[in-house]
Amino acid sequence: MELCTSQLEQLLALATEAALKAGCYISTFDRSLLQVDRKAAGNSLSSQVVTQVDLDSQTIILDVLQPSIDHYDLAVLSEENASEDNVCGHPRFQKAYYWCIDPLDGTLPFIEGSAGFAVSIALVSQSGEPVIGVVHNPVTGDTYQALNVNTSDEKPDVDGKILLKNSQLWLPEVNSQHFTLYIDRSFKADPRYASCIESLASLVKSHGYDELNVVTNCGAVMNAIGVFEHAPACYLKLPKAQKGGGSLWDFSATAAIARASSRLWVSNINGEPLDLNRTDSNFMNHKGVLYLNGIEGNAFLQEAASTHLFK
C-alpha cells in the first residue's frame, strides 16, 4: 500500500516525536552510570561499541512508532535489533515501507563525552527510496526533518519535497571560503588516506577554496549534517572489501534530507542513488558513500575520476 501525503506527514510528525523523546533521554542521562559493551558488527570500533543508552533509546523510539507499525503494516530495521544472519529474509523486503532507525549514531563520541552523536529515524520504501528523514542532535537541540513524496498522482505540479530545521523551512547555504572534509576516524588508518587527502586538496584548490579542513570526530549522521550546515563540504566513504562502511541506518535519514534539497547531494561514489534496501547485507561498504554541499555532484565525480580520488 502506497501511503498518501497526509499519511506520510503524520508519520513525519511521529518520527519527530520519537527522535525528540530519545534525544531528551540521551541528553539527560547520568554519565556516571555509563557502561560500555561490545557487539558483533563491522570491522571498526565505532560499529562494535554499544551502551545501555543505545538500547534504551531504541526502546523509546519503538514505543512511539509501534502504532504506525501496526496500522500501516511497516517493517522495522533498527541497529540494536539488526543481524547479518539471513538478511534476505528480513520483513523489509515484503513490506511497502520500513522504519530505519539508529537510536544513537556516534556511540563512540558519546562514550568519549564529545559531540558528534545523534538520533536518526527514516522511513524507506521497498524500492530503497528515503521517504522520511528525521535527525535530532541532543547536544544542540536541533532537529532536521525531510519528506520526499511522489505527488505525480495526487498533485502533478507539486514536487512533494519538504525540508525543515526545527520545524521551520530550511535552505542549506554555502558560507565559508574553506572546504571541509568529513570522514570517519577509521579512514585515517586506510592505505588510501594520504593520496585521497592530497587529491581532494588539489581538487578543492582548483575551485578557489583556500584550505581543506578535515573533521574526524563525528558519527556518520553528524558527518552528513556537518556537510549540510558547513558548506562547502564533503563526506566521503570509499568502498572496501571488509564488512562495514556504515550501515543502512547510518545514511537513510540524512539521504532523505539531501534528497529534499536541490542544493544537497547524496550518492555512492559512482553517482548512483544509495541502495537503501539492499538484499545481501545491512552494510554499505560495497559502493561507498558521498555527500556534497557547495560543489555540484556530477562535476565533482568527473573531477574525482580524473584525479583518481577514489582509487
Protein backbone atom coordinates (compact mmCIF):
# COMPACT_ATOMS: atom_id res chain seq x y z
CA MET A 1 0.00 0.00 0.00
CA GLU A 2 1.46 3.34 -1.05
CA LEU A 3 0.93 5.97 1.63
CA CYS A 4 -0.61 9.31 0.65
CA THR A 5 0.86 12.69 1.51
CA SER A 6 -1.29 13.28 4.59
CA GLN A 7 -0.37 9.86 5.99
CA LEU A 8 3.33 10.49 5.40
CA GLU A 9 3.05 13.89 7.08
CA GLN A 10 1.57 12.14 10.11
CA LEU A 11 4.45 9.66 10.12
CA LEU A 12 6.95 12.52 9.87
CA ALA A 13 5.40 14.07 12.96
CA LEU A 14 5.52 10.72 14.74
CA ALA A 15 9.17 10.15 13.84
CA THR A 16 9.96 13.66 15.10
CA GLU A 17 8.22 12.92 18.39
CA ALA A 18 10.20 9.70 18.76
CA ALA A 19 13.52 11.38 17.97
CA LEU A 20 12.89 14.20 20.44
CA LYS A 21 11.94 11.80 23.24
CA ALA A 22 15.03 9.69 22.63
CA GLY A 23 17.18 12.80 22.41
CA CYS A 24 15.85 14.10 25.71
CA TYR A 25 16.73 10.79 27.37
CA ILE A 26 20.23 10.81 25.88
CA SER A 27 20.96 14.42 26.83
CA THR A 28 19.85 13.94 30.46
CA PHE A 29 21.47 10.54 31.03
CA ASP A 30 23.67 10.34 34.13
CA ARG A 31 27.06 9.66 32.54
CA SER A 32 28.44 8.28 35.82
CA LEU A 33 26.27 5.22 35.14
CA LEU A 34 27.59 4.65 31.62
CA GLN A 35 28.83 1.13 30.87
CA VAL A 36 30.31 0.09 27.53
CA ASP A 37 29.88 -3.32 25.95
CA ARG A 38 30.83 -4.88 22.61
CA LYS A 39 28.65 -6.45 19.93
CA ALA A 40 29.24 -8.36 16.70
CA ALA A 41 29.20 -5.79 13.90
CA GLY A 42 31.55 -4.27 11.33
CA ASN A 43 35.33 -4.17 11.48
CA SER A 44 35.65 -0.75 13.18
CA LEU A 45 35.50 0.05 16.88
CA SER A 46 32.72 2.58 16.32
CA SER A 47 30.44 -0.14 14.92
CA GLN A 48 31.20 -2.58 17.75
CA VAL A 49 30.64 -0.48 20.88
CA VAL A 50 27.19 -0.38 22.46
CA THR A 51 25.77 1.00 25.69
CA GLN A 52 22.53 0.70 27.59
CA VAL A 53 21.77 4.20 26.33
CA ASP A 54 21.65 2.85 22.75
CA LEU A 55 19.24 0.11 23.84
CA ASP A 56 17.04 2.39 25.94
CA SER A 57 16.87 4.98 23.17
CA GLN A 58 15.77 2.26 20.77
CA THR A 59 13.01 1.20 23.16
CA ILE A 60 11.76 4.78 23.46
CA ILE A 61 11.65 5.18 19.69
CA LEU A 62 9.91 1.88 19.02
CA ASP A 63 7.30 2.59 21.70
CA VAL A 64 6.36 5.80 19.89
CA LEU A 65 6.43 4.24 16.42
CA GLN A 66 4.63 0.99 17.30
CA PRO A 67 1.08 2.21 16.50
CA SER A 68 2.22 3.18 12.99
CA ILE A 69 3.94 -0.17 12.55
CA ASP A 70 0.72 -1.96 13.37
CA HIS A 71 -1.62 0.37 11.49
CA TYR A 72 0.34 0.62 8.22
CA ASP A 73 1.99 -2.81 8.33
CA LEU A 74 5.51 -1.37 8.34
CA ALA A 75 8.75 -3.31 8.75
CA VAL A 76 11.46 -2.19 11.18
CA LEU A 77 15.24 -2.25 10.86
CA SER A 78 16.88 -0.82 13.98
CA GLU A 79 20.59 -1.04 14.71
CA GLU A 80 20.40 -2.81 18.04
CA ASN A 81 17.99 -5.44 16.69
CA ALA A 82 19.74 -5.96 13.36
CA SER A 83 21.70 -9.02 12.28
CA GLU A 84 23.72 -10.04 9.25
CA ASP A 85 22.30 -13.57 9.56
CA ASN A 86 19.66 -14.30 6.91
CA VAL A 87 19.48 -10.67 5.76
CA CYS A 88 17.42 -11.61 2.71
CA GLY A 89 14.67 -12.94 4.96
CA HIS A 90 14.03 -9.61 6.70
CA PRO A 91 10.40 -8.34 6.53
CA ARG A 92 11.58 -5.07 4.89
CA PHE A 93 11.62 -6.87 1.54
CA GLN A 94 7.94 -7.83 1.80
CA LYS A 95 6.54 -4.56 3.16
CA ALA A 96 5.85 -1.36 1.24
CA TYR A 97 7.94 0.67 3.72
CA TYR A 98 10.23 0.13 6.65
CA TRP A 99 11.37 2.26 9.56
CA CYS A 100 15.18 2.50 9.56
CA ILE A 101 16.42 3.54 12.99
CA ASP A 102 19.74 4.43 14.55
CA PRO A 103 18.83 5.15 18.18
CA LEU A 104 22.25 6.65 18.94
CA ASP A 105 24.52 7.19 15.98
CA GLY A 106 28.03 8.13 17.06
CA THR A 107 28.13 5.93 20.15
CA LEU A 108 31.92 6.31 20.33
CA PRO A 109 31.81 10.13 20.50
CA PHE A 110 29.02 9.80 23.07
CA ILE A 111 31.17 7.47 25.19
CA GLU A 112 34.09 9.89 24.93
CA GLY A 113 31.93 12.78 26.09
CA SER A 114 32.30 14.77 22.89
CA ALA A 115 29.73 15.99 20.38
CA GLY A 116 29.11 14.21 17.10
CA PHE A 117 26.22 11.89 18.02
CA ALA A 118 22.56 11.98 17.03
CA VAL A 119 19.25 10.17 16.84
CA SER A 120 18.31 9.13 13.30
CA ILE A 121 14.96 7.83 12.04
CA ALA A 122 13.96 7.25 8.42
CA LEU A 123 11.07 5.73 6.51
CA VAL A 124 12.35 3.89 3.42
CA SER A 125 10.24 2.45 0.62
CA GLN A 126 10.63 -1.13 -0.59
CA SER A 127 12.41 0.25 -3.66
CA GLY A 128 15.02 1.86 -1.41
CA GLU A 129 13.80 5.47 -1.64
CA PRO A 130 14.32 7.53 1.54
CA VAL A 131 10.84 8.99 2.04
CA ILE A 132 11.10 10.46 5.55
CA GLY A 133 14.19 11.55 7.43
CA VAL A 134 14.45 12.91 10.98
CA VAL A 135 17.73 13.66 12.73
CA HIS A 136 17.92 15.11 16.23
CA ASN A 137 21.14 16.44 17.73
CA PRO A 138 20.89 16.10 21.54
CA VAL A 139 23.87 18.42 22.05
CA THR A 140 22.46 21.47 20.23
CA GLY A 141 18.78 20.56 20.37
CA ASP A 142 18.48 20.97 16.60
CA THR A 143 16.08 18.74 14.67
CA TYR A 144 16.19 18.18 10.92
CA GLN A 145 13.12 16.87 9.09
CA ALA A 146 12.61 15.86 5.48
CA LEU A 147 9.73 14.48 3.43
CA ASN A 148 10.01 13.23 -0.14
CA VAL A 149 6.61 12.34 -1.58
CA ASN A 150 5.71 11.06 -5.01
CA THR A 151 2.95 13.54 -5.89
CA SER A 152 2.54 12.59 -9.55
CA ASP A 153 -0.89 11.09 -8.92
CA GLU A 154 -2.14 13.50 -6.24
CA LYS A 155 -0.71 16.85 -7.42
CA PRO A 156 1.41 16.57 -10.57
CA ASP A 157 2.54 20.21 -10.32
CA VAL A 158 3.96 19.82 -6.79
CA ASP A 159 7.44 18.36 -6.21
CA GLY A 160 6.45 16.84 -2.85
CA LYS A 161 9.67 17.78 -1.02
CA ILE A 162 9.78 19.37 2.41
CA LEU A 163 12.96 20.27 4.29
CA LEU A 164 12.77 21.70 7.82
CA LYS A 165 15.12 22.62 10.62
CA ASN A 166 13.45 22.96 13.99
CA SER A 167 10.07 22.84 12.21
CA GLN A 168 10.92 25.85 10.03
CA LEU A 169 11.58 25.76 6.29
CA TRP A 170 15.31 25.35 5.80
CA LEU A 171 17.58 26.20 2.88
CA PRO A 172 21.18 25.00 3.42
CA GLU A 173 23.76 27.61 2.49
CA VAL A 174 27.40 27.87 1.44
CA ASN A 175 29.08 30.16 3.95
CA SER A 176 32.83 29.55 4.05
CA GLN A 177 35.97 30.03 2.00
CA HIS A 178 37.36 26.82 3.46
CA PHE A 179 36.38 23.36 2.25
CA THR A 180 35.62 20.80 4.96
CA LEU A 181 36.04 17.07 4.50
CA TYR A 182 34.15 14.87 6.95
CA ILE A 183 35.50 11.34 7.30
CA ASP A 184 35.24 8.51 9.81
CA ARG A 185 38.24 8.32 12.13
CA SER A 186 38.95 4.74 10.99
CA PHE A 187 39.72 6.01 7.47
CA LYS A 188 42.95 7.59 8.74
CA ALA A 189 44.40 4.07 9.01
CA ASP A 190 43.38 3.21 5.43
CA PRO A 191 46.33 2.94 2.99
CA ARG A 192 44.37 5.18 0.61
CA TYR A 193 44.03 8.02 3.11
CA ALA A 194 47.14 10.07 2.24
CA SER A 195 46.60 10.01 -1.52
CA CYS A 196 42.89 10.74 -1.09
CA ILE A 197 43.61 13.82 1.02
CA GLU A 198 46.25 15.01 -1.44
CA SER A 199 43.93 14.62 -4.43
CA LEU A 200 41.00 16.26 -2.68
CA ALA A 201 43.12 19.19 -1.53
CA SER A 202 44.19 19.78 -5.12
CA LEU A 203 40.60 19.48 -6.35
CA VAL A 204 39.14 21.99 -3.91
CA LYS A 205 42.01 24.41 -4.54
CA SER A 206 41.07 24.37 -8.23
CA HIS A 207 37.62 25.58 -7.15
CA GLY A 208 39.11 28.59 -5.40
CA TYR A 209 38.92 27.37 -1.82
CA ASP A 210 42.00 28.27 0.17
CA GLU A 211 42.09 25.46 2.72
CA LEU A 212 40.99 21.88 3.30
CA ASN A 213 39.80 21.19 6.84
CA VAL A 214 39.44 17.54 7.89
CA VAL A 215 36.92 16.54 10.59
CA THR A 216 37.15 13.04 12.07
CA ASN A 217 35.32 13.15 15.42
CA CYS A 218 31.68 12.58 14.45
CA GLY A 219 29.43 9.64 13.73
CA ALA A 220 28.08 9.10 10.22
CA VAL A 221 24.85 11.03 10.79
CA MET A 222 26.52 14.14 12.14
CA ASN A 223 29.16 13.93 9.39
CA ALA A 224 26.37 14.33 6.85
CA ILE A 225 24.69 17.07 8.89
CA GLY A 226 28.07 18.81 9.03
CA VAL A 227 28.16 18.83 5.23
CA PHE A 228 24.67 20.35 5.13
CA GLU A 229 25.48 23.01 7.73
CA HIS A 230 29.08 23.95 6.94
CA ALA A 231 29.44 24.09 3.18
CA PRO A 232 31.41 23.89 1.04
CA ALA A 233 31.89 20.37 2.36
CA CYS A 234 32.04 16.69 1.57
CA TYR A 235 31.51 13.46 3.50
CA LEU A 236 33.30 10.61 1.82
CA LYS A 237 33.41 6.86 2.46
CA LEU A 238 35.37 4.76 -0.02
CA PRO A 239 34.35 1.19 -0.84
CA LYS A 240 36.20 -1.57 0.96
CA ALA A 241 36.20 -5.34 0.96
CA GLN A 242 35.53 -5.76 4.69
CA LYS A 243 32.01 -5.57 6.02
CA GLY A 244 31.47 -2.08 7.34
CA GLY A 245 31.46 1.28 5.65
CA GLY A 246 28.45 2.25 7.70
CA SER A 247 25.05 0.60 7.67
CA LEU A 248 21.64 1.35 6.21
CA TRP A 249 20.57 3.12 9.42
CA ASP A 250 23.62 5.40 9.25
CA PHE A 251 22.55 7.02 5.98
CA SER A 252 18.81 6.64 5.39
CA ALA A 253 17.61 9.72 7.29
CA THR A 254 20.36 12.03 6.01
CA ALA A 255 19.80 10.70 2.49
CA ALA A 256 16.16 11.76 2.82
CA ILE A 257 17.32 15.21 3.93
CA ALA A 258 19.71 15.52 0.99
CA ARG A 259 17.06 14.37 -1.47
CA ALA A 260 14.71 17.09 -0.20
CA SER A 261 17.01 19.92 -1.32
CA SER A 262 18.36 20.67 -4.79
CA ARG A 263 21.46 22.15 -3.11
CA LEU A 264 22.50 18.89 -1.47
CA TRP A 265 23.94 15.75 -3.00
CA VAL A 266 23.98 12.13 -1.84
CA SER A 267 25.06 9.10 -3.87
CA ASN A 268 27.51 6.23 -3.91
CA ILE A 269 30.91 7.02 -5.41
CA ASN A 270 29.61 6.09 -8.86
CA GLY A 271 26.97 8.82 -8.66
CA GLU A 272 24.12 6.33 -8.23
CA PRO A 273 21.42 6.55 -5.53
CA LEU A 274 22.30 4.79 -2.29
CA ASP A 275 20.96 1.24 -2.20
CA LEU A 276 18.96 1.67 1.00
CA ASN A 277 17.16 -1.65 0.81
CA ARG A 278 19.96 -3.90 -0.38
CA THR A 279 19.12 -7.55 -0.10
CA ASP A 280 22.51 -9.08 0.76
CA SER A 281 23.73 -7.01 3.71
CA ASN A 282 22.96 -4.22 6.15
CA PHE A 283 26.38 -2.69 5.45
CA MET A 284 27.28 -0.11 2.81
CA ASN A 285 30.93 -0.96 2.13
CA HIS A 286 30.23 -2.26 -1.38
CA LYS A 287 29.93 1.06 -3.25
CA GLY A 288 30.88 3.77 -0.79
CA VAL A 289 29.01 6.93 0.13
CA LEU A 290 29.30 10.57 -0.93
CA TYR A 291 27.57 13.68 0.48
CA LEU A 292 28.24 17.12 -1.01
CA ASN A 293 27.20 20.70 -0.46
CA GLY A 294 28.74 23.62 -2.35
CA ILE A 295 30.06 21.62 -5.32
CA GLU A 296 27.78 20.13 -7.96
CA GLY A 297 27.78 16.36 -7.67
CA ASN A 298 28.30 15.24 -11.26
CA ALA A 299 31.13 17.75 -11.77
CA PHE A 300 32.78 16.59 -8.54
CA LEU A 301 32.55 12.95 -9.63
CA GLN A 302 34.11 13.71 -13.01
CA GLU A 303 36.99 15.59 -11.41
CA ALA A 304 37.42 12.86 -8.80
CA ALA A 305 37.69 10.28 -11.57
CA SER A 306 40.30 12.33 -13.42
CA THR A 307 42.44 12.69 -10.28
CA HIS A 308 41.93 9.06 -9.18
CA LEU A 309 40.49 10.31 -5.89
CA PHE A 310 38.56 7.10 -5.26
CA LYS A 311 41.40 4.68 -6.03
